[in-house]
């Protein structure tokens, strides 16, 4: 028995080792190395000097960084919407009695596997000055003049948030669908016998039993929202425009590190964002521990 356990343990470590090496090289080591780096003025074009906490003081006096941080926190507002809509979508596609339900599942998941470049091109066309959205709204009498969705300070960030939500819904829907299919059907049958309505079934059975999935999906979407980069970079050509209306923390860190070569300062900004993300994650864990719905 002891020899069998050693064999199983060796096989498990053998399978995990490549992934652990990749995590150590590309995740853990950069995090560890970024801490001392944030205390210097490291740049490939100048001499490196120890500056202590100057980078952090500079960060909280940097207007553009504070704007980018605020935009990233605003971006987090899409997290509850993503969770609610993806749960409702998963409940819908879990009903195998609907004809062609597999087609719906595939259609909802297509945005997830579509490259962000293609998504950006599609939405740029749809939301352009003479795009489909403006045309349909004008025909419906909702708009009297064109709206510059992606070049308007008041709408650009919210359009980015909508695109992010649209692209990610299918991913979270599939995760929740996996959770739904693990819920015993007997629970629903017993509740129906007691006269429970459709919404009561969702609130009293579905949501409580999906809590581990809700926690996981909330954390993943929270991290994705706070670190959003691809769609903003592609749709604004990397400048976070118009002005700074769509400048997010990840984009600003990229600008400082990869374009202006201020790697020490960029590391300090990254640590600040990581601390904020850690605090938000702790809040999510605490809310999940205290939350939940009592089935009876």
Protein backbone atom coordinates (compact mmCIF):
# COMPACT_ATOMS: atom_id res chain seq x y z
CA UNK A 1 0.00 0.00 0.00
CA UNK A 2 2.85 2.39 0.92
CA UNK A 3 4.62 1.67 -2.38
CA UNK A 4 1.37 2.33 -4.31
CA UNK A 5 0.97 5.68 -2.57
CA UNK A 6 4.52 6.63 -3.49
CA UNK A 7 3.87 5.69 -7.11
CA UNK A 8 0.67 7.76 -7.21
CA UNK A 9 2.42 10.69 -5.56
CA UNK A 10 5.30 10.56 -8.02
CA UNK A 11 2.89 10.50 -10.97
CA UNK A 12 0.96 13.46 -9.57
CA UNK A 13 4.12 15.52 -9.09
CA UNK A 14 5.36 14.53 -12.55
CA UNK A 15 2.20 15.91 -14.13
CA UNK A 16 2.22 19.07 -12.00
CA UNK A 17 5.91 19.91 -12.39
CA UNK A 18 5.76 21.55 -15.88
CA UNK A 19 2.87 23.77 -14.80
CA UNK A 20 4.57 24.65 -11.50
CA UNK A 21 7.77 25.58 -13.35
CA UNK A 22 5.83 27.88 -15.69
CA UNK A 23 4.05 29.47 -12.72
CA UNK A 24 7.34 29.94 -10.87
CA UNK A 25 9.10 31.52 -13.86
CA UNK A 26 6.31 33.70 -15.26
CA UNK A 27 4.16 34.47 -12.18
CA UNK A 28 5.86 34.03 -8.81
CA UNK A 29 9.36 35.20 -9.78
CA UNK A 30 8.15 38.45 -11.43
CA UNK A 31 6.04 39.20 -8.34
CA UNK A 32 8.95 38.59 -5.99
CA UNK A 33 11.40 40.48 -8.21
CA UNK A 34 8.95 43.36 -8.62
CA UNK A 35 9.07 44.24 -4.90
CA UNK A 36 12.76 45.31 -4.75
CA UNK A 37 12.46 46.70 -8.28
CA UNK A 38 9.72 49.08 -7.12
CA UNK A 39 12.19 50.64 -4.70
CA UNK A 40 14.55 51.72 -7.50
CA UNK A 41 14.42 53.99 -10.53
CA UNK A 42 15.41 51.06 -12.76
CA UNK A 43 15.40 51.90 -16.45
CA UNK A 44 17.28 50.43 -19.38
CA UNK A 45 18.37 53.91 -20.45
CA UNK A 46 19.75 55.29 -17.17
CA UNK A 47 21.74 54.24 -14.12
CA UNK A 48 19.77 52.35 -11.47
CA UNK A 49 19.55 53.92 -8.01
CA UNK A 50 17.74 53.01 -4.83
CA UNK A 51 14.91 55.53 -4.25
CA UNK A 52 13.03 53.90 -1.37
CA UNK A 53 9.34 54.76 -1.28
CA UNK A 54 9.64 57.65 -3.73
CA UNK A 55 7.89 55.67 -6.48
CA UNK A 56 4.88 55.10 -4.23
CA UNK A 57 4.74 58.77 -3.22
CA UNK A 58 4.97 59.70 -6.88
CA UNK A 59 2.15 57.29 -7.71
CA UNK A 60 -0.34 58.90 -5.33
CA UNK A 61 0.55 62.32 -6.71
CA UNK A 62 0.29 61.14 -10.33
CA UNK A 63 -3.01 62.45 -11.68
CA UNK A 64 -3.07 60.06 -14.65
CA UNK A 65 -2.46 57.05 -12.41
CA UNK A 66 -5.29 58.08 -10.07
CA UNK A 67 -7.58 58.51 -13.09
CA UNK A 68 -6.58 55.10 -14.43
CA UNK A 69 -7.16 53.55 -11.00
CA UNK A 70 -10.61 55.14 -10.79
CA UNK A 71 -11.49 53.89 -14.29
CA UNK A 72 -10.41 50.38 -13.29
CA UNK A 73 -12.56 50.51 -10.16
CA UNK A 74 -15.50 51.71 -12.25
CA UNK A 75 -14.83 48.74 -14.53
CA UNK A 76 -15.39 46.44 -11.55
CA UNK A 77 -19.06 47.49 -11.57
CA UNK A 78 -19.67 45.04 -14.43
CA UNK A 79 -18.83 42.06 -12.18
CA UNK A 80 -22.30 41.66 -10.57
CA UNK A 81 -23.99 42.14 -13.95
CA UNK A 82 -21.80 39.43 -15.48
CA UNK A 83 -22.66 37.02 -12.69
CA UNK A 84 -26.42 37.67 -12.78
CA UNK A 85 -26.72 37.45 -16.57
CA UNK A 86 -24.47 34.40 -16.87
CA UNK A 87 -26.45 32.55 -14.17
CA UNK A 88 -29.74 33.34 -15.94
CA UNK A 89 -28.24 32.24 -19.26
CA UNK A 90 -26.99 28.99 -17.73
CA UNK A 91 -30.46 28.29 -16.29
CA UNK A 92 -31.92 28.88 -19.75
CA UNK A 93 -29.52 26.62 -21.67
CA UNK A 94 -29.72 23.95 -18.99
CA UNK A 95 -33.30 23.27 -20.10
CA UNK A 96 -32.79 20.39 -22.53
CA UNK A 97 -36.46 20.47 -23.54
CA UNK A 98 -35.91 23.62 -25.60
CA UNK A 99 -35.44 22.66 -29.27
CA UNK A 100 -31.95 23.36 -30.58
CA UNK A 101 -30.55 24.15 -27.12
CA UNK A 102 -27.06 23.00 -28.17
CA UNK A 103 -27.08 25.63 -30.89
CA UNK A 104 -27.85 28.30 -28.28
CA UNK A 105 -25.00 27.06 -26.07
CA UNK A 106 -22.59 27.26 -28.98
CA UNK A 107 -23.82 30.70 -30.05
CA UNK A 108 -23.41 32.13 -26.54
CA UNK A 109 -19.89 30.72 -26.31
CA UNK A 110 -18.64 31.98 -29.69
CA UNK A 111 -17.56 35.43 -28.36
CA UNK A 112 -15.32 33.71 -25.80
CA UNK A 113 -13.23 31.93 -28.45
CA UNK A 114 -13.20 34.90 -30.81
CA UNK A 115 -9.96 36.90 -30.72
CA UNK A 116 -10.11 40.33 -29.15
CA UNK A 117 -8.80 41.88 -32.36
CA UNK A 118 -11.79 40.52 -34.28
CA UNK A 119 -14.17 41.59 -31.51
CA UNK A 120 -12.71 45.10 -31.53
CA UNK A 121 -13.08 45.38 -35.30
CA UNK A 122 -16.69 44.19 -35.16
CA UNK A 123 -17.70 46.58 -32.40
CA UNK A 124 -15.79 49.47 -33.98
CA UNK A 125 -17.91 48.93 -37.08
CA UNK A 126 -21.15 48.56 -35.12
CA UNK A 127 -20.50 51.60 -32.93
CA UNK A 128 -18.92 53.82 -35.57
CA UNK A 129 -20.31 57.24 -36.41
CA UNK A 130 -22.24 55.72 -39.31
CA UNK A 131 -22.47 52.29 -37.71
CA UNK A 132 -25.35 49.89 -37.31
CA UNK A 133 -26.18 50.93 -33.72
CA UNK A 134 -26.60 54.61 -34.61
CA UNK A 135 -28.63 53.66 -37.68
CA UNK A 136 -31.05 51.42 -35.76
CA UNK A 137 -31.49 53.91 -32.91
CA UNK A 138 -32.15 56.71 -35.38
CA UNK A 139 -34.70 54.61 -37.29
CA UNK A 140 -36.44 53.80 -34.00
CA UNK A 141 -36.67 57.49 -33.19
CA UNK A 142 -34.49 57.16 -30.09
CA UNK A 143 -31.67 59.31 -31.44
CA UNK A 144 -31.99 62.62 -33.25
CA UNK A 145 -28.26 62.84 -34.03
CA UNK A 146 -25.31 60.48 -34.16
CA UNK A 147 -23.49 59.51 -30.97
CA UNK A 148 -19.74 59.08 -31.15
CA UNK A 149 -19.76 56.07 -28.84
CA UNK A 150 -16.02 55.32 -28.81
CA UNK A 151 -14.79 58.92 -29.08
CA UNK A 152 -17.10 60.50 -26.50
CA UNK A 153 -15.70 61.06 -23.00
CA UNK A 154 -19.03 60.25 -21.36
CA UNK A 155 -19.71 56.97 -23.21
CA UNK A 156 -16.35 55.44 -24.19
CA UNK A 157 -15.58 53.69 -20.88
CA UNK A 158 -19.10 52.24 -20.56
CA UNK A 159 -18.92 50.96 -24.13
CA UNK A 160 -15.66 49.19 -23.22
CA UNK A 161 -17.35 47.69 -20.17
CA UNK A 162 -20.24 46.44 -22.30
CA UNK A 163 -17.86 44.82 -24.81
CA UNK A 164 -15.97 43.11 -21.98
CA UNK A 165 -19.23 41.80 -20.51
CA UNK A 166 -20.50 40.66 -23.92
CA UNK A 167 -17.31 38.71 -24.60
CA UNK A 168 -17.10 37.08 -21.17
CA UNK A 169 -20.70 36.03 -20.54
CA UNK A 170 -20.39 32.76 -22.42
CA UNK A 171 -17.35 31.69 -20.39
CA UNK A 172 -19.05 32.16 -17.03
CA UNK A 173 -22.28 30.69 -18.41
CA UNK A 174 -20.47 27.41 -19.15
CA UNK A 175 -18.96 27.32 -15.65
CA UNK A 176 -22.37 27.84 -14.08
CA UNK A 177 -23.87 25.28 -16.44
CA UNK A 178 -21.39 22.71 -15.14
CA UNK A 179 -22.50 23.58 -11.62
CA UNK A 180 -26.19 23.31 -12.50
CA UNK A 181 -25.72 19.85 -13.95
CA UNK A 182 -24.26 18.69 -10.62
CA UNK A 183 -27.40 19.69 -8.69
CA UNK A 184 -29.63 16.64 -8.05
CA UNK A 185 -32.93 16.83 -9.94
CA UNK A 186 -34.70 15.34 -6.90
CA UNK A 187 -34.34 18.64 -5.04
CA UNK A 188 -36.25 20.49 -7.73
CA UNK A 189 -38.93 17.80 -7.91
CA UNK A 190 -39.47 17.89 -4.14
CA UNK A 191 -39.71 21.70 -4.18
CA UNK A 192 -42.23 21.63 -7.04
CA UNK A 193 -44.37 19.19 -5.09
CA UNK A 194 -44.37 21.73 -2.25
CA UNK A 195 -45.63 24.36 -4.67
CA UNK A 196 -42.39 26.30 -5.24
CA UNK A 197 -42.43 28.71 -8.19
CA UNK A 198 -39.74 28.98 -10.87
CA UNK A 199 -38.10 31.97 -9.15
CA UNK A 200 -38.34 30.27 -5.75
CA UNK A 201 -36.47 27.27 -7.15
CA UNK A 202 -33.68 29.55 -8.37
CA UNK A 203 -33.43 31.50 -5.10
CA UNK A 204 -33.85 28.58 -2.71
CA UNK A 205 -31.96 25.78 -4.50
CA UNK A 206 -29.96 26.98 -7.49
CA UNK A 207 -28.20 29.99 -5.95
CA UNK A 208 -27.21 28.35 -2.61
CA UNK A 209 -25.82 25.25 -4.33
CA UNK A 210 -23.95 27.39 -6.86
CA UNK A 211 -22.16 29.41 -4.17
CA UNK A 212 -18.72 27.79 -4.79
CA UNK A 213 -19.09 28.57 -8.50
CA UNK A 214 -20.29 32.10 -7.74
CA UNK A 215 -17.24 32.70 -5.56
CA UNK A 216 -14.86 31.39 -8.20
CA UNK A 217 -16.49 33.27 -11.09
CA UNK A 218 -16.72 36.48 -9.08
CA UNK A 219 -13.02 36.36 -8.23
CA UNK A 220 -12.03 35.61 -11.82
CA UNK A 221 -14.23 38.35 -13.26
CA UNK A 222 -13.06 40.78 -10.57
CA UNK A 223 -9.41 40.20 -11.48
CA UNK A 224 -10.18 40.43 -15.18
CA UNK A 225 -12.09 43.70 -14.75
CA UNK A 226 -9.43 45.35 -12.61
CA UNK A 227 -6.66 44.27 -14.99
CA UNK A 228 -8.53 44.86 -18.26
CA UNK A 229 -6.10 45.68 -21.06
CA UNK A 230 -6.71 44.06 -24.45
CA UNK A 231 -9.95 45.70 -25.49
CA UNK A 232 -8.89 49.13 -24.24
CA UNK A 233 -5.50 48.91 -25.94
CA UNK A 234 -6.94 47.77 -29.27
CA UNK A 235 -9.96 50.09 -29.41
CA UNK A 236 -7.98 53.19 -28.37
CA UNK A 237 -4.69 52.42 -30.16
CA UNK A 238 -2.98 52.13 -26.79
CA UNK A 239 -3.60 55.68 -25.55
CA UNK A 240 -6.70 55.22 -23.37
CA UNK A 241 -8.58 57.95 -25.19
CA UNK A 242 -10.43 60.05 -25.77
CA UNK A 243 -8.30 61.98 -23.30
CA UNK A 244 -7.96 59.71 -20.28
CA UNK A 245 -11.58 58.54 -20.22
CA UNK A 246 -10.68 54.87 -20.90
CA UNK A 247 -7.19 54.86 -19.38
CA UNK A 248 -7.06 51.83 -17.07
CA UNK A 249 -4.38 50.92 -14.54
CA UNK A 250 -3.02 48.03 -16.64
CA UNK A 251 -2.73 50.24 -19.71
CA UNK A 252 -1.03 52.99 -17.73
CA UNK A 253 1.45 50.53 -16.21
CA UNK A 254 2.17 49.23 -19.71
CA UNK A 255 2.77 52.78 -20.95
CA UNK A 256 5.17 53.54 -18.12
CA UNK A 257 7.04 50.27 -18.32
CA UNK A 258 7.12 49.25 -21.98
CA UNK A 259 6.88 52.64 -23.70
CA UNK A 260 8.65 55.01 -21.31
CA UNK A 261 10.97 52.35 -19.78
CA UNK A 262 10.27 53.44 -16.18
CA UNK A 263 10.34 49.86 -14.91
CA UNK A 264 10.86 50.76 -11.26
CA UNK A 265 7.89 53.11 -11.25
CA UNK A 266 5.77 50.63 -13.23
CA UNK A 267 6.58 47.93 -10.64
CA UNK A 268 5.41 50.22 -7.85
CA UNK A 269 2.15 50.90 -9.71
CA UNK A 270 1.67 47.17 -10.24
CA UNK A 271 2.13 46.47 -6.52
CA UNK A 272 -0.44 49.13 -5.61
CA UNK A 273 -2.97 47.57 -7.98
CA UNK A 274 -2.17 44.09 -6.62
CA UNK A 275 -2.83 45.25 -3.05
CA UNK A 276 -6.17 46.75 -4.10
CA UNK A 277 -7.04 43.51 -5.89
CA UNK A 278 -6.13 41.53 -2.78
CA UNK A 279 -8.37 43.73 -0.60
CA UNK A 280 -11.30 43.34 -3.00
CA UNK A 281 -10.76 39.56 -3.08
CA UNK A 282 -10.85 39.39 0.72
CA UNK A 283 -14.12 41.36 0.68
CA UNK A 284 -15.58 38.88 -1.83
CA UNK A 285 -14.53 35.94 0.37
CA UNK A 286 -16.11 37.53 3.45
CA UNK A 287 -19.34 38.34 1.63
CA UNK A 288 -19.50 34.78 0.32
CA UNK A 289 -19.00 33.42 3.83
CA UNK A 290 -21.74 35.61 5.30
CA UNK A 291 -24.06 35.45 2.30
CA UNK A 292 -26.17 32.74 0.87
CA UNK A 293 -29.87 32.00 0.85
CA UNK A 294 -31.52 29.65 3.30
CA UNK A 295 -33.51 27.14 1.23
CA UNK A 296 -36.19 26.74 3.89
